[in-house]
Amino acid sequence: MGLLVAASVVAAASAAASAAGNTPSPKTVVAQAQKEWLSELDASARTGDRSASFPSPSRAVLIRRLRQAQERYGFQIISVKLLHPARARQ
């Protein structure tokens, strides 16, 4: 879901920029998408909204999928940061 949200934000930002007649750099679009995605994650964590949960692949599976996508689509992986959900307090 996180990647889907980020992809949706990137697409929306790109469409909005195109409609306005100016095109932001890919770096700007990705930075904005990341900022919005992390903001949404933070908001869910603060409100205790656990409905936004989703299964995450293991690190090994994620890295393998990213490398496959890198080869297929020709982008470069710069870094990978795994965020872990807050543990429920008892």
N, C-alpha and C. Protein backbone atom coordinates (compact mmCIF):
# COMPACT_ATOMS: atom_id res chain seq x y z
N MET A 1 0.82 -1.18 0.00
CA MET A 1 0.00 0.00 0.00
C MET A 1 0.87 1.25 0.00
N GLY A 2 1.97 1.27 0.74
CA GLY A 2 2.84 2.43 0.79
C GLY A 2 3.35 2.83 -0.58
N LEU A 3 3.78 1.84 -1.36
CA LEU A 3 4.26 2.14 -2.70
C LEU A 3 3.13 2.63 -3.58
N LEU A 4 1.94 2.05 -3.40
CA LEU A 4 0.79 2.48 -4.17
C LEU A 4 0.44 3.92 -3.85
N VAL A 5 0.46 4.27 -2.57
CA VAL A 5 0.18 5.63 -2.15
C VAL A 5 1.21 6.58 -2.74
N ALA A 6 2.49 6.21 -2.65
CA ALA A 6 3.54 7.06 -3.20
C ALA A 6 3.39 7.22 -4.70
N ALA A 7 3.06 6.14 -5.40
CA ALA A 7 2.87 6.22 -6.85
C ALA A 7 1.68 7.11 -7.19
N SER A 8 0.61 7.02 -6.41
CA SER A 8 -0.56 7.87 -6.63
C SER A 8 -0.23 9.33 -6.42
N VAL A 9 0.54 9.62 -5.39
CA VAL A 9 0.92 11.00 -5.10
C VAL A 9 1.80 11.54 -6.21
N VAL A 10 2.74 10.74 -6.69
CA VAL A 10 3.61 11.17 -7.78
C VAL A 10 2.79 11.45 -9.02
N ALA A 11 1.85 10.58 -9.34
CA ALA A 11 1.01 10.77 -10.52
C ALA A 11 0.16 12.02 -10.38
N ALA A 12 -0.41 12.24 -9.19
CA ALA A 12 -1.24 13.43 -8.97
C ALA A 12 -0.41 14.70 -9.05
N ALA A 13 0.77 14.69 -8.48
CA ALA A 13 1.64 15.87 -8.52
C ALA A 13 2.06 16.17 -9.95
N SER A 14 2.35 15.13 -10.70
CA SER A 14 2.75 15.31 -12.09
C SER A 14 1.61 15.86 -12.93
N ALA A 15 0.41 15.34 -12.72
CA ALA A 15 -0.76 15.81 -13.46
C ALA A 15 -1.07 17.27 -13.13
N ALA A 16 -0.97 17.61 -11.85
CA ALA A 16 -1.23 18.99 -11.43
C ALA A 16 -0.22 19.95 -12.04
N ALA A 17 1.04 19.54 -12.07
CA ALA A 17 2.08 20.39 -12.65
C ALA A 17 1.87 20.57 -14.15
N SER A 18 1.48 19.49 -14.82
CA SER A 18 1.25 19.57 -16.26
C SER A 18 0.07 20.49 -16.56
N ALA A 19 -0.98 20.40 -15.74
CA ALA A 19 -2.15 21.25 -15.94
C ALA A 19 -1.80 22.71 -15.72
N ALA A 20 -0.87 22.97 -14.82
CA ALA A 20 -0.47 24.35 -14.53
C ALA A 20 0.52 24.88 -15.56
N GLY A 21 1.01 24.03 -16.45
CA GLY A 21 1.92 24.47 -17.50
C GLY A 21 3.39 24.44 -17.13
N ASN A 22 3.71 24.02 -15.92
CA ASN A 22 5.12 23.90 -15.54
C ASN A 22 5.40 22.47 -15.12
N THR A 23 6.58 22.00 -15.38
CA THR A 23 6.93 20.62 -15.07
C THR A 23 8.04 20.59 -14.03
N PRO A 24 7.74 20.08 -12.84
CA PRO A 24 8.79 19.98 -11.81
C PRO A 24 9.77 18.86 -12.17
N SER A 25 10.94 18.95 -11.61
CA SER A 25 11.94 17.91 -11.86
C SER A 25 11.48 16.61 -11.19
N PRO A 26 11.95 15.47 -11.70
CA PRO A 26 11.61 14.19 -11.05
C PRO A 26 12.02 14.18 -9.58
N LYS A 27 13.15 14.79 -9.27
CA LYS A 27 13.62 14.84 -7.88
C LYS A 27 12.62 15.59 -7.00
N THR A 28 12.06 16.68 -7.51
CA THR A 28 11.07 17.47 -6.76
C THR A 28 9.79 16.66 -6.55
N VAL A 29 9.35 15.97 -7.58
CA VAL A 29 8.12 15.17 -7.47
C VAL A 29 8.30 14.05 -6.46
N VAL A 30 9.42 13.36 -6.51
CA VAL A 30 9.68 12.26 -5.57
C VAL A 30 9.78 12.79 -4.14
N ALA A 31 10.46 13.91 -3.95
CA ALA A 31 10.60 14.49 -2.61
C ALA A 31 9.23 14.87 -2.05
N GLN A 32 8.37 15.45 -2.89
CA GLN A 32 7.03 15.82 -2.43
C GLN A 32 6.20 14.58 -2.10
N ALA A 33 6.30 13.54 -2.93
CA ALA A 33 5.56 12.31 -2.67
C ALA A 33 6.01 11.68 -1.36
N GLN A 34 7.31 11.66 -1.13
CA GLN A 34 7.85 11.08 0.10
C GLN A 34 7.36 11.88 1.31
N LYS A 35 7.40 13.20 1.20
CA LYS A 35 6.96 14.06 2.30
C LYS A 35 5.49 13.79 2.64
N GLU A 36 4.64 13.72 1.61
CA GLU A 36 3.21 13.48 1.85
C GLU A 36 2.96 12.09 2.41
N TRP A 37 3.67 11.09 1.89
CA TRP A 37 3.49 9.73 2.35
C TRP A 37 3.89 9.59 3.82
N LEU A 38 5.06 10.14 4.16
CA LEU A 38 5.51 10.08 5.55
C LEU A 38 4.57 10.85 6.48
N SER A 39 4.02 11.95 5.99
CA SER A 39 3.07 12.73 6.78
C SER A 39 1.82 11.90 7.08
N GLU A 40 1.34 11.18 6.07
CA GLU A 40 0.16 10.32 6.27
C GLU A 40 0.47 9.19 7.24
N LEU A 41 1.65 8.60 7.14
CA LEU A 41 2.04 7.55 8.09
C LEU A 41 2.08 8.08 9.51
N ASP A 42 2.68 9.27 9.66
CA ASP A 42 2.78 9.89 10.97
C ASP A 42 1.41 10.18 11.55
N ALA A 43 0.50 10.71 10.71
CA ALA A 43 -0.85 11.02 11.17
C ALA A 43 -1.57 9.76 11.64
N SER A 44 -1.42 8.67 10.90
CA SER A 44 -2.05 7.40 11.30
C SER A 44 -1.48 6.90 12.62
N ALA A 45 -0.17 7.06 12.79
CA ALA A 45 0.47 6.61 14.03
C ALA A 45 -0.03 7.43 15.22
N ARG A 46 -0.18 8.74 15.03
CA ARG A 46 -0.62 9.61 16.12
C ARG A 46 -2.07 9.35 16.51
N THR A 47 -2.93 9.06 15.55
CA THR A 47 -4.35 8.87 15.85
C THR A 47 -4.67 7.44 16.25
N GLY A 48 -3.70 6.55 16.08
CA GLY A 48 -3.95 5.15 16.43
C GLY A 48 -4.74 4.42 15.36
N ASP A 49 -4.84 4.99 14.16
CA ASP A 49 -5.57 4.37 13.07
C ASP A 49 -4.80 3.16 12.57
N ARG A 50 -5.25 1.99 12.94
CA ARG A 50 -4.57 0.76 12.54
C ARG A 50 -5.22 0.14 11.30
N SER A 51 -6.24 0.80 10.74
CA SER A 51 -6.88 0.27 9.54
C SER A 51 -5.97 0.40 8.33
N ALA A 52 -4.91 1.20 8.45
CA ALA A 52 -3.99 1.41 7.34
C ALA A 52 -2.88 0.37 7.31
N SER A 53 -3.06 -0.74 8.00
CA SER A 53 -2.00 -1.75 8.04
C SER A 53 -2.01 -2.59 6.76
N PHE A 54 -0.88 -3.15 6.43
CA PHE A 54 -0.75 -3.99 5.25
C PHE A 54 0.44 -4.92 5.46
N PRO A 55 0.41 -6.08 4.81
CA PRO A 55 1.53 -7.01 4.96
C PRO A 55 2.76 -6.48 4.23
N SER A 56 3.90 -6.61 4.84
CA SER A 56 5.15 -6.16 4.23
C SER A 56 6.02 -7.36 3.91
N PRO A 57 6.69 -7.33 2.75
CA PRO A 57 7.60 -8.43 2.44
C PRO A 57 8.84 -8.35 3.32
N SER A 58 9.55 -9.45 3.42
CA SER A 58 10.80 -9.43 4.17
C SER A 58 11.78 -8.51 3.44
N ARG A 59 12.83 -8.11 4.13
CA ARG A 59 13.84 -7.24 3.51
C ARG A 59 14.43 -7.89 2.26
N ALA A 60 14.73 -9.19 2.36
CA ALA A 60 15.32 -9.91 1.22
C ALA A 60 14.39 -9.90 0.01
N VAL A 61 13.11 -10.14 0.24
CA VAL A 61 12.13 -10.15 -0.85
C VAL A 61 12.00 -8.75 -1.45
N LEU A 62 11.93 -7.74 -0.59
CA LEU A 62 11.82 -6.36 -1.07
C LEU A 62 13.02 -5.98 -1.93
N ILE A 63 14.23 -6.28 -1.46
CA ILE A 63 15.43 -5.94 -2.21
C ILE A 63 15.44 -6.67 -3.56
N ARG A 64 15.05 -7.94 -3.55
CA ARG A 64 15.01 -8.70 -4.80
C ARG A 64 14.03 -8.06 -5.80
N ARG A 65 12.86 -7.68 -5.31
CA ARG A 65 11.85 -7.05 -6.18
C ARG A 65 12.33 -5.69 -6.70
N LEU A 66 12.99 -4.93 -5.84
CA LEU A 66 13.51 -3.64 -6.27
C LEU A 66 14.58 -3.81 -7.35
N ARG A 67 15.45 -4.78 -7.17
CA ARG A 67 16.51 -5.03 -8.17
C ARG A 67 15.92 -5.48 -9.51
N GLN A 68 14.87 -6.32 -9.43
CA GLN A 68 14.20 -6.74 -10.66
C GLN A 68 13.57 -5.55 -11.37
N ALA A 69 12.92 -4.68 -10.62
CA ALA A 69 12.31 -3.48 -11.20
C ALA A 69 13.37 -2.54 -11.75
N GLN A 70 14.49 -2.45 -11.06
CA GLN A 70 15.61 -1.61 -11.51
C GLN A 70 16.09 -2.08 -12.88
N GLU A 71 16.27 -3.37 -13.04
CA GLU A 71 16.71 -3.93 -14.32
C GLU A 71 15.66 -3.70 -15.40
N ARG A 72 14.42 -3.92 -15.05
CA ARG A 72 13.34 -3.83 -16.04
C ARG A 72 13.09 -2.40 -16.50
N TYR A 73 13.09 -1.46 -15.55
CA TYR A 73 12.68 -0.09 -15.87
C TYR A 73 13.86 0.89 -15.97
N GLY A 74 15.07 0.44 -15.67
CA GLY A 74 16.25 1.26 -15.88
C GLY A 74 16.45 2.41 -14.93
N PHE A 75 16.01 2.28 -13.69
CA PHE A 75 16.30 3.32 -12.70
C PHE A 75 17.40 2.83 -11.77
N GLN A 76 17.91 3.73 -10.93
CA GLN A 76 18.98 3.38 -10.00
C GLN A 76 18.47 3.45 -8.57
N ILE A 77 18.70 2.41 -7.81
CA ILE A 77 18.33 2.41 -6.40
C ILE A 77 19.40 3.18 -5.65
N ILE A 78 19.02 4.23 -4.97
CA ILE A 78 19.95 5.05 -4.21
C ILE A 78 20.01 4.58 -2.76
N SER A 79 18.86 4.35 -2.17
CA SER A 79 18.83 3.86 -0.79
C SER A 79 17.50 3.17 -0.53
N VAL A 80 17.50 2.33 0.47
CA VAL A 80 16.29 1.65 0.91
C VAL A 80 16.21 1.82 2.42
N LYS A 81 15.11 2.33 2.89
CA LYS A 81 14.91 2.53 4.33
C LYS A 81 13.63 1.82 4.75
N LEU A 82 13.75 0.87 5.63
CA LEU A 82 12.58 0.15 6.12
C LEU A 82 12.10 0.81 7.41
N LEU A 83 10.83 1.15 7.43
CA LEU A 83 10.23 1.74 8.62
C LEU A 83 9.43 0.66 9.32
N HIS A 84 9.56 0.59 10.60
CA HIS A 84 8.85 -0.42 11.38
C HIS A 84 7.72 0.23 12.16
N PRO A 85 6.55 -0.39 12.17
CA PRO A 85 5.42 0.20 12.88
C PRO A 85 5.67 0.24 14.38
N ALA A 86 5.03 1.19 15.03
CA ALA A 86 5.15 1.29 16.48
C ALA A 86 4.51 0.05 17.11
N ARG A 87 5.13 -0.46 18.11
CA ARG A 87 4.57 -1.61 18.82
C ARG A 87 3.41 -1.14 19.70
N ALA A 88 2.40 -1.97 19.80
CA ALA A 88 1.25 -1.65 20.66
C ALA A 88 1.71 -1.66 22.11
N ARG A 89 1.36 -0.63 22.83
CA ARG A 89 1.73 -0.54 24.25
C ARG A 89 0.68 -1.21 25.09
N GLN A 90 1.13 -1.95 26.09
CA GLN A 90 0.19 -2.66 26.95
C GLN A 90 0.14 -2.08 28.32
